[in-house]
Amino acid sequence: MGIYATIGLALVVISTAISLLILKRNAVEQPKQIKVILFGLYFWGLIFLQLAICALIYYFNK
């Protein structure tokens, strides 16, 4: 497995873990549909943020 695949896998694992922690922390009784939508929102927001940080690190190390 290449370095970029490993980094991508790490980003997915980190985003999943943080999204689940955010959902557990906000443990208000919400319908399951709302929790699924919030998980997707948190997950993709964190993926975007991490990719932007990785892109900046790559750009400045180049």
N, C-alpha and C. Protein backbone atom coordinates (compact mmCIF):
# COMPACT_ATOMS: atom_id res chain seq x y z
N MET A 1 0.86 -1.17 0.00
CA MET A 1 0.00 0.00 0.00
C MET A 1 0.90 1.23 0.00
N GLY A 2 0.60 2.18 -0.86
CA GLY A 2 1.41 3.38 -0.99
C GLY A 2 1.20 4.34 0.16
N ILE A 3 2.08 5.32 0.21
CA ILE A 3 2.01 6.31 1.29
C ILE A 3 0.72 7.12 1.22
N TYR A 4 0.27 7.44 -0.01
CA TYR A 4 -0.95 8.25 -0.13
C TYR A 4 -2.19 7.45 0.27
N ALA A 5 -2.20 6.17 -0.02
CA ALA A 5 -3.32 5.33 0.41
C ALA A 5 -3.35 5.22 1.93
N THR A 6 -2.19 5.11 2.54
CA THR A 6 -2.10 5.02 3.99
C THR A 6 -2.59 6.32 4.63
N ILE A 7 -2.17 7.45 4.07
CA ILE A 7 -2.62 8.74 4.60
C ILE A 7 -4.13 8.88 4.43
N GLY A 8 -4.65 8.49 3.27
CA GLY A 8 -6.09 8.55 3.04
C GLY A 8 -6.88 7.70 4.01
N LEU A 9 -6.38 6.49 4.27
CA LEU A 9 -7.03 5.61 5.23
C LEU A 9 -7.00 6.22 6.63
N ALA A 10 -5.88 6.82 6.99
CA ALA A 10 -5.77 7.47 8.30
C ALA A 10 -6.77 8.63 8.41
N LEU A 11 -6.92 9.41 7.34
CA LEU A 11 -7.87 10.52 7.36
C LEU A 11 -9.30 10.02 7.57
N VAL A 12 -9.65 8.93 6.91
CA VAL A 12 -11.00 8.36 7.05
C VAL A 12 -11.23 7.86 8.47
N VAL A 13 -10.24 7.16 9.02
CA VAL A 13 -10.37 6.63 10.39
C VAL A 13 -10.49 7.76 11.40
N ILE A 14 -9.66 8.79 11.25
CA ILE A 14 -9.70 9.92 12.18
C ILE A 14 -11.04 10.65 12.08
N SER A 15 -11.50 10.89 10.87
CA SER A 15 -12.78 11.59 10.69
C SER A 15 -13.94 10.78 11.25
N THR A 16 -13.92 9.48 11.04
CA THR A 16 -14.98 8.62 11.58
C THR A 16 -14.99 8.67 13.10
N ALA A 17 -13.82 8.55 13.71
CA ALA A 17 -13.73 8.53 15.17
C ALA A 17 -14.19 9.87 15.76
N ILE A 18 -13.73 10.96 15.19
CA ILE A 18 -14.11 12.28 15.72
C ILE A 18 -15.60 12.54 15.50
N SER A 19 -16.13 12.14 14.35
CA SER A 19 -17.57 12.32 14.10
C SER A 19 -18.41 11.55 15.10
N LEU A 20 -18.00 10.31 15.38
CA LEU A 20 -18.74 9.52 16.36
C LEU A 20 -18.64 10.12 17.76
N LEU A 21 -17.47 10.65 18.11
CA LEU A 21 -17.31 11.29 19.42
C LEU A 21 -18.19 12.53 19.54
N ILE A 22 -18.27 13.32 18.48
CA ILE A 22 -19.13 14.51 18.50
C ILE A 22 -20.59 14.10 18.67
N LEU A 23 -21.00 13.06 17.96
CA LEU A 23 -22.39 12.60 18.08
C LEU A 23 -22.68 12.07 19.48
N LYS A 24 -21.74 11.34 20.07
CA LYS A 24 -21.94 10.80 21.43
C LYS A 24 -21.96 11.92 22.45
N ARG A 25 -21.14 12.95 22.24
CA ARG A 25 -21.09 14.07 23.18
C ARG A 25 -22.40 14.83 23.18
N ASN A 26 -22.99 15.00 22.01
CA ASN A 26 -24.28 15.68 21.88
C ASN A 26 -25.38 14.62 21.93
N ALA A 27 -25.47 13.93 23.06
CA ALA A 27 -26.35 12.77 23.18
C ALA A 27 -27.80 13.14 23.47
N VAL A 28 -28.25 14.25 22.94
CA VAL A 28 -29.66 14.63 23.09
C VAL A 28 -30.48 13.61 22.30
N GLU A 29 -31.64 13.30 22.81
CA GLU A 29 -32.50 12.35 22.12
C GLU A 29 -32.94 12.93 20.77
N GLN A 30 -32.27 12.47 19.73
CA GLN A 30 -32.59 12.90 18.38
C GLN A 30 -32.99 11.67 17.58
N PRO A 31 -33.82 11.87 16.58
CA PRO A 31 -34.17 10.73 15.73
C PRO A 31 -32.94 10.20 15.02
N LYS A 32 -33.00 8.92 14.66
CA LYS A 32 -31.86 8.27 14.02
C LYS A 32 -31.50 8.95 12.69
N GLN A 33 -32.50 9.43 11.96
CA GLN A 33 -32.25 10.09 10.67
C GLN A 33 -31.40 11.34 10.86
N ILE A 34 -31.67 12.09 11.92
CA ILE A 34 -30.90 13.31 12.19
C ILE A 34 -29.47 12.95 12.56
N LYS A 35 -29.29 11.89 13.34
CA LYS A 35 -27.94 11.47 13.72
C LYS A 35 -27.13 11.04 12.49
N VAL A 36 -27.78 10.36 11.56
CA VAL A 36 -27.09 9.92 10.34
C VAL A 36 -26.67 11.13 9.51
N ILE A 37 -27.57 12.11 9.39
CA ILE A 37 -27.25 13.31 8.62
C ILE A 37 -26.13 14.10 9.29
N LEU A 38 -26.20 14.23 10.61
CA LEU A 38 -25.14 14.94 11.33
C LEU A 38 -23.80 14.22 11.21
N PHE A 39 -23.82 12.89 11.28
CA PHE A 39 -22.59 12.13 11.11
C PHE A 39 -21.98 12.42 9.74
N GLY A 40 -22.79 12.39 8.70
CA GLY A 40 -22.29 12.68 7.35
C GLY A 40 -21.74 14.09 7.25
N LEU A 41 -22.42 15.04 7.85
CA LEU A 41 -21.96 16.42 7.83
C LEU A 41 -20.63 16.57 8.54
N TYR A 42 -20.53 16.01 9.75
CA TYR A 42 -19.27 16.09 10.50
C TYR A 42 -18.15 15.35 9.76
N PHE A 43 -18.46 14.17 9.25
CA PHE A 43 -17.46 13.35 8.57
C PHE A 43 -16.87 14.10 7.37
N TRP A 44 -17.73 14.58 6.48
CA TRP A 44 -17.23 15.25 5.27
C TRP A 44 -16.59 16.58 5.59
N GLY A 45 -17.08 17.28 6.59
CA GLY A 45 -16.43 18.52 7.02
C GLY A 45 -15.02 18.27 7.52
N LEU A 46 -14.86 17.22 8.32
CA LEU A 46 -13.53 16.89 8.83
C LEU A 46 -12.61 16.38 7.73
N ILE A 47 -13.14 15.60 6.80
CA ILE A 47 -12.33 15.14 5.66
C ILE A 47 -11.82 16.35 4.88
N PHE A 48 -12.70 17.30 4.59
CA PHE A 48 -12.30 18.48 3.85
C PHE A 48 -11.23 19.26 4.60
N LEU A 49 -11.41 19.46 5.90
CA LEU A 49 -10.45 20.19 6.71
C LEU A 49 -9.09 19.49 6.71
N GLN A 50 -9.08 18.17 6.88
CA GLN A 50 -7.83 17.42 6.91
C GLN A 50 -7.14 17.44 5.55
N LEU A 51 -7.92 17.34 4.47
CA LEU A 51 -7.32 17.40 3.13
C LEU A 51 -6.72 18.76 2.87
N ALA A 52 -7.38 19.82 3.33
CA ALA A 52 -6.84 21.17 3.16
C ALA A 52 -5.52 21.32 3.93
N ILE A 53 -5.46 20.78 5.13
CA ILE A 53 -4.23 20.84 5.93
C ILE A 53 -3.12 20.03 5.25
N CYS A 54 -3.46 18.85 4.77
CA CYS A 54 -2.47 18.02 4.06
C CYS A 54 -1.97 18.71 2.80
N ALA A 55 -2.86 19.39 2.09
CA ALA A 55 -2.47 20.10 0.86
C ALA A 55 -1.52 21.24 1.20
N LEU A 56 -1.79 21.96 2.28
CA LEU A 56 -0.89 23.03 2.68
C LEU A 56 0.48 22.49 3.09
N ILE A 57 0.49 21.40 3.83
CA ILE A 57 1.76 20.79 4.23
C ILE A 57 2.53 20.33 3.00
N TYR A 58 1.85 19.70 2.07
CA TYR A 58 2.48 19.24 0.83
C TYR A 58 3.03 20.42 0.03
N TYR A 59 2.25 21.50 -0.04
CA TYR A 59 2.66 22.68 -0.82
C TYR A 59 3.91 23.32 -0.22
N PHE A 60 3.94 23.47 1.10
CA PHE A 60 5.07 24.15 1.73
C PHE A 60 6.31 23.26 1.85
N ASN A 61 6.14 21.94 1.79
CA ASN A 61 7.29 21.03 1.80
C ASN A 61 7.86 20.79 0.42
N LYS A 62 7.18 21.23 -0.60
CA LYS A 62 7.60 20.98 -1.97
C LYS A 62 8.80 21.81 -2.35
